[in-house]
Structures are given as structure tokens and as C-alpha cells.
Amino acid sequence: MATTRNNTSPTGDRRVRRTQASLARALLELVEEQDLSRVSVADVAERAGVSRSTFYDHYRDVHELAEVACTAMIDHMVEALADTTGIDLADPGPSATLALEAFFASLAEHAGLYRALLGPQGSARVADHIRRRSAQAIEDRLRDAAAALPGLPEHAGPPRDLPPEVPAAFTAGALIGVAADWLQRGCVHSPAEMARLTWPLFSSLFRIDSHTPAPGSARRHGRDR
């Protein structure tokens, strides 16, 4: 948790947000230049144009700043992931892989930071945040899909008798594993390639068939024969 001093005035709040944003930007720049483990408080403070005492007004150390910056970005990333699981199960289309591509592109943009925090010596807090936020987003979309099941063929959508929190947790955990491995390998595949490679795993889990006819289309095809 950040250790920002309490200041309830609007001016104080804006000053705190500006300082924290400057520190986060400084850290992101530095991590692109060297490993997180080599970045010091003095480095971050100097790059942000503040004193070390100002840094300690907000964070205990560089690792805490990294965790806070990372989890804030993750919340935006999960919005893209939610779009992946919110697609039309009867007709996924290209939106599925585009949303996954956006997710991996967000990781790649700050690969050095995520590699450090999701690696062997990384942050359990960050990994757990990704898992929980992703699982909740997926579970929400699975519940939406369940509500639409009467209009979908039997083989489309998630298994009917499986509580949504189970596949949601499974998928979120798998996604962290894939992302962490990709980062540790130096992002050898592009975000677009990762989306193409991982989408079949998603569709297999949720039994989504890209060729599933929309409700009523089978009857239409039958009449065409």
C-alpha cells in the first residue's frame, strides 16, 4: 500500500496525484533502461525532479512504487480482456483476437516492469491482482453468456452445469502463466501472434465454435437444401 500522507484539500489531492504520476513515469522510463532491481529511490527521485524525502512521503521503496504503478495499468488492461470474453458466443468474429492483442500489447509496452514483477523474484501482490481482476471480468461475462444460453446452440458457450467462477479462475490463472512465460522469453512472439495462439485455448475452454450458426440459421439452411 502507498503511504501517502492524508490531505483532503482539493489542491493537496491534485498535488499528490501529480507527484505520484511523476514518480510512476520516472520509474517506467528507468525500467526501460535497466532492470528494476538496479533502480534506486535516488534514481527515481532525480528523474521525477523531486527529493528523496518527497518519494518517501508516498512510497516505502521502489518495489512498492512499481506494484502501485503496475496494478493501476492492469486495471486498464483488464478492460480489454473483458471485451474478449464479452463477445457474441454464436459469432465471435475478429473482435476476440483484437481484444487479446490489445491485452498483450499493453504488457509489451512496459515489458521490463511486468517481467520483473511477474518473474521468479517478482511480486505476489501484482500476480494476485491480475488473477483476481481478470477472473472477475471473465466471470461477469460468463454470467452474461449464461443469461443468453437459451438462444445459443447446446455446444456453444461455457458448460451449462459448471459454476462460472470455476472456468473464470482457471482462465485467469492460465492467462497469467502464458503472459509471464511470454515476458520471460523476451516477447518472442508479437502481441498479434500471441492473440492468434491463445484464442483457440479460450474458445476450447468455453466451447465457442466460430462456425456456430446463429439461432434460426439452421432452419434457414435446412430450407435452402
Protein backbone atom coordinates (compact mmCIF):
# COMPACT_ATOMS: atom_id res chain seq x y z
CA MET A 1 0.00 0.00 0.00
CA ALA A 2 1.14 3.53 -0.70
CA THR A 3 1.94 5.61 2.35
CA THR A 4 0.66 8.96 1.11
CA ARG A 5 0.02 11.43 3.87
CA ASN A 6 -3.58 12.44 4.40
CA ASN A 7 -4.53 15.71 2.74
CA THR A 8 -8.19 16.21 1.99
CA SER A 9 -7.95 19.63 0.31
CA PRO A 10 -8.55 19.68 -3.48
CA THR A 11 -5.20 21.40 -4.02
CA GLY A 12 -3.45 18.82 -1.85
CA ASP A 13 -5.14 15.96 -3.68
CA ARG A 14 -4.06 17.33 -7.05
CA ARG A 15 -0.51 17.81 -5.81
CA VAL A 16 -0.39 14.24 -4.52
CA ARG A 17 -1.70 12.85 -7.80
CA ARG A 18 0.78 14.90 -9.82
CA THR A 19 3.70 13.75 -7.68
CA GLN A 20 2.66 10.11 -7.82
CA ALA A 21 2.17 10.31 -11.59
CA SER A 22 5.64 11.86 -11.98
CA LEU A 23 7.21 9.12 -9.88
CA ALA A 24 5.41 6.42 -11.86
CA ARG A 25 6.52 7.91 -15.20
CA ALA A 26 10.09 8.18 -13.94
CA LEU A 27 10.08 4.54 -12.87
CA LEU A 28 8.66 3.35 -16.19
CA GLU A 29 11.36 5.23 -18.07
CA LEU A 30 14.11 3.84 -15.86
CA VAL A 31 12.90 0.25 -16.12
CA GLU A 32 13.15 0.52 -19.90
CA GLU A 33 16.85 1.37 -19.42
CA GLN A 34 17.82 -1.14 -16.73
CA ASP A 35 16.47 -3.95 -14.56
CA LEU A 36 14.05 -2.97 -11.81
CA SER A 37 16.40 -4.46 -9.22
CA ARG A 38 19.05 -1.87 -10.17
CA VAL A 39 16.74 1.16 -9.92
CA SER A 40 17.18 3.10 -6.67
CA VAL A 41 14.99 5.61 -4.87
CA ALA A 42 17.56 8.27 -5.72
CA ASP A 43 17.30 7.36 -9.43
CA VAL A 44 13.52 7.69 -9.43
CA ALA A 45 13.51 10.92 -7.42
CA GLU A 46 16.10 12.52 -9.66
CA ARG A 47 14.27 11.51 -12.85
CA ALA A 48 10.96 12.80 -11.42
CA GLY A 49 12.54 16.05 -10.28
CA VAL A 50 11.68 15.60 -6.60
CA SER A 51 13.65 14.98 -3.42
CA ARG A 52 14.15 11.58 -1.83
CA SER A 53 12.12 12.74 1.17
CA THR A 54 9.23 13.52 -1.19
CA PHE A 55 9.49 9.99 -2.58
CA TYR A 56 9.25 8.56 0.94
CA ASP A 57 6.21 10.71 1.61
CA HIS A 58 4.41 8.46 -0.87
CA TYR A 59 6.12 5.07 -1.02
CA ARG A 60 8.27 2.87 1.19
CA ASP A 61 10.60 1.81 -1.63
CA VAL A 62 10.94 1.36 -5.38
CA HIS A 63 9.23 -2.04 -5.29
CA GLU A 64 6.09 -0.59 -3.74
CA LEU A 65 6.00 2.17 -6.36
CA ALA A 66 6.38 -0.49 -9.06
CA GLU A 67 3.50 -2.51 -7.62
CA VAL A 68 1.20 0.51 -7.44
CA ALA A 69 2.08 1.65 -10.97
CA CYS A 70 1.67 -1.87 -12.31
CA THR A 71 -1.71 -2.57 -10.70
CA ALA A 72 -3.08 0.75 -11.95
CA MET A 73 -2.13 -0.19 -15.52
CA ILE A 74 -3.53 -3.68 -15.06
CA ASP A 75 -6.98 -2.26 -14.37
CA HIS A 76 -6.93 -0.71 -17.85
CA MET A 77 -5.60 -3.91 -19.39
CA VAL A 78 -8.40 -5.98 -17.89
CA GLU A 79 -10.95 -3.77 -19.61
CA ALA A 80 -9.55 -5.06 -22.90
CA LEU A 81 -9.64 -8.61 -21.60
CA ALA A 82 -13.27 -8.17 -20.59
CA ASP A 83 -14.04 -7.30 -24.19
CA THR A 84 -12.56 -10.67 -25.21
CA THR A 85 -14.97 -12.62 -23.03
CA GLY A 86 -17.90 -10.38 -23.82
CA ILE A 87 -18.06 -11.29 -27.48
CA ASP A 88 -21.08 -12.84 -29.14
CA LEU A 89 -20.62 -16.55 -28.42
CA ALA A 90 -22.54 -17.51 -31.52
CA ASP A 91 -20.37 -15.35 -33.77
CA PRO A 92 -17.01 -14.38 -32.15
CA GLY A 93 -15.57 -12.70 -35.22
CA PRO A 94 -12.27 -10.79 -35.20
CA SER A 95 -13.13 -8.83 -32.04
CA ALA A 96 -11.95 -11.74 -29.90
CA THR A 97 -8.36 -11.76 -31.13
CA LEU A 98 -8.24 -7.96 -31.33
CA ALA A 99 -9.07 -7.68 -27.63
CA LEU A 100 -6.43 -10.27 -26.73
CA GLU A 101 -3.94 -8.45 -28.94
CA ALA A 102 -4.63 -5.23 -27.02
CA PHE A 103 -4.01 -7.09 -23.75
CA PHE A 104 -0.62 -8.41 -24.86
CA ALA A 105 0.30 -5.09 -26.45
CA SER A 106 -0.27 -3.40 -23.07
CA LEU A 107 2.10 -5.91 -21.47
CA ALA A 108 4.71 -5.41 -24.17
CA GLU A 109 4.61 -1.62 -23.80
CA HIS A 110 6.15 -1.93 -20.32
CA ALA A 111 7.67 -5.40 -20.65
CA GLY A 112 10.60 -4.65 -18.34
CA LEU A 113 8.34 -3.76 -15.42
CA TYR A 114 5.95 -6.69 -15.90
CA ARG A 115 8.84 -9.09 -16.46
CA ALA A 116 10.31 -8.09 -13.12
CA LEU A 117 7.05 -8.22 -11.19
CA LEU A 118 5.73 -11.44 -12.73
CA GLY A 119 9.07 -13.26 -12.79
CA PRO A 120 10.54 -15.75 -10.30
CA GLN A 121 11.56 -12.98 -7.88
CA GLY A 122 8.51 -10.86 -8.61
CA SER A 123 5.51 -9.57 -6.72
CA ALA A 124 2.86 -11.94 -5.41
CA ARG A 125 0.66 -8.89 -4.89
CA VAL A 126 0.76 -7.96 -8.58
CA ALA A 127 0.20 -11.53 -9.76
CA ASP A 128 -2.76 -11.87 -7.39
CA HIS A 129 -4.18 -8.55 -8.57
CA ILE A 130 -4.07 -9.69 -12.20
CA ARG A 131 -5.62 -13.02 -11.27
CA ARG A 132 -8.47 -11.53 -9.23
CA ARG A 133 -9.28 -8.70 -11.64
CA SER A 134 -9.14 -10.99 -14.68
CA ALA A 135 -11.19 -13.71 -13.02
CA GLN A 136 -13.89 -11.24 -12.01
CA ALA A 137 -14.09 -9.76 -15.51
CA ILE A 138 -14.33 -13.23 -17.06
CA GLU A 139 -16.88 -14.40 -14.51
CA ASP A 140 -19.06 -11.36 -15.20
CA ARG A 141 -19.03 -12.09 -18.92
CA LEU A 142 -19.73 -15.79 -18.36
CA ARG A 143 -22.79 -14.86 -16.32
CA ASP A 144 -23.89 -12.64 -19.21
CA ALA A 145 -23.38 -15.58 -21.55
CA ALA A 146 -25.36 -17.88 -19.26
CA ALA A 147 -28.29 -15.47 -19.45
CA ALA A 148 -28.18 -15.77 -23.24
CA LEU A 149 -27.87 -19.56 -23.32
CA PRO A 150 -31.49 -20.21 -24.33
CA GLY A 151 -30.68 -18.52 -27.64
CA LEU A 152 -27.43 -20.44 -28.23
CA PRO A 153 -26.88 -23.97 -29.56
CA GLU A 154 -26.09 -26.60 -26.93
CA HIS A 155 -22.41 -26.87 -27.95
CA ALA A 156 -21.77 -23.11 -27.78
CA GLY A 157 -20.85 -21.17 -24.67
CA PRO A 158 -19.48 -22.45 -21.35
CA PRO A 159 -20.63 -25.84 -20.00
CA ARG A 160 -24.14 -25.37 -18.65
CA ASP A 161 -23.58 -27.17 -15.34
CA LEU A 162 -20.26 -25.50 -14.44
CA PRO A 163 -20.31 -22.60 -11.93
CA PRO A 164 -18.86 -19.56 -13.75
CA GLU A 165 -16.29 -18.83 -11.05
CA VAL A 166 -14.51 -22.13 -11.84
CA PRO A 167 -13.69 -21.52 -15.54
CA ALA A 168 -13.10 -17.83 -14.71
CA ALA A 169 -10.42 -18.66 -12.14
CA PHE A 170 -8.95 -21.34 -14.40
CA THR A 171 -8.70 -18.96 -17.35
CA ALA A 172 -7.27 -16.09 -15.29
CA GLY A 173 -4.58 -18.36 -13.85
CA ALA A 174 -3.72 -19.72 -17.27
CA LEU A 175 -3.53 -16.22 -18.71
CA ILE A 176 -1.04 -15.14 -16.03
CA GLY A 177 1.07 -18.20 -16.77
CA VAL A 178 1.09 -17.56 -20.52
CA ALA A 179 1.82 -13.84 -20.06
CA ALA A 180 4.63 -14.44 -17.56
CA ASP A 181 6.26 -17.08 -19.77
CA TRP A 182 6.00 -14.80 -22.83
CA LEU A 183 7.60 -11.93 -20.93
CA GLN A 184 10.41 -14.09 -19.54
CA ARG A 185 11.18 -15.33 -23.07
CA GLY A 186 11.61 -11.75 -24.23
CA CYS A 187 8.24 -11.41 -26.01
CA VAL A 188 9.47 -13.56 -28.88
CA HIS A 189 6.00 -13.50 -30.45
CA SER A 190 4.25 -10.26 -31.33
CA PRO A 191 1.03 -9.31 -29.48
CA ALA A 192 -0.91 -10.20 -32.64
CA GLU A 193 0.74 -13.63 -32.77
CA MET A 194 0.03 -14.20 -29.08
CA ALA A 195 -3.62 -13.33 -29.63
CA ARG A 196 -3.80 -15.79 -32.52
CA LEU A 197 -2.10 -18.51 -30.49
CA THR A 198 -4.13 -18.07 -27.29
CA TRP A 199 -7.59 -17.52 -28.72
CA PRO A 200 -8.06 -21.25 -29.59
CA LEU A 201 -7.33 -22.03 -25.93
CA PHE A 202 -10.06 -19.63 -24.82
CA SER A 203 -12.52 -20.93 -27.38
CA SER A 204 -11.76 -24.53 -26.44
CA LEU A 205 -12.40 -23.85 -22.77
CA PHE A 206 -15.69 -22.11 -23.41
CA ARG A 207 -16.68 -24.41 -26.27
CA ILE A 208 -17.03 -21.46 -28.62
CA ASP A 209 -17.34 -22.51 -32.24
CA SER A 210 -16.59 -19.72 -34.68
CA HIS A 211 -18.76 -21.53 -37.20
CA THR A 212 -21.70 -21.92 -34.83
CA PRO A 213 -24.81 -20.78 -36.70
CA ALA A 214 -26.83 -18.02 -35.16
CA PRO A 215 -30.21 -19.03 -33.69
CA GLY A 216 -32.59 -19.83 -36.52
CA SER A 217 -29.90 -20.11 -39.17
CA ALA A 218 -30.01 -23.92 -39.14
CA ARG A 219 -33.65 -23.79 -40.06
CA ARG A 220 -32.85 -21.36 -42.86
CA HIS A 221 -30.05 -23.64 -44.16
CA GLY A 222 -32.48 -26.56 -43.98
CA ARG A 223 -34.92 -24.75 -46.21
CA ASP A 224 -32.11 -23.96 -48.66
CA ARG A 225 -31.32 -27.62 -49.19
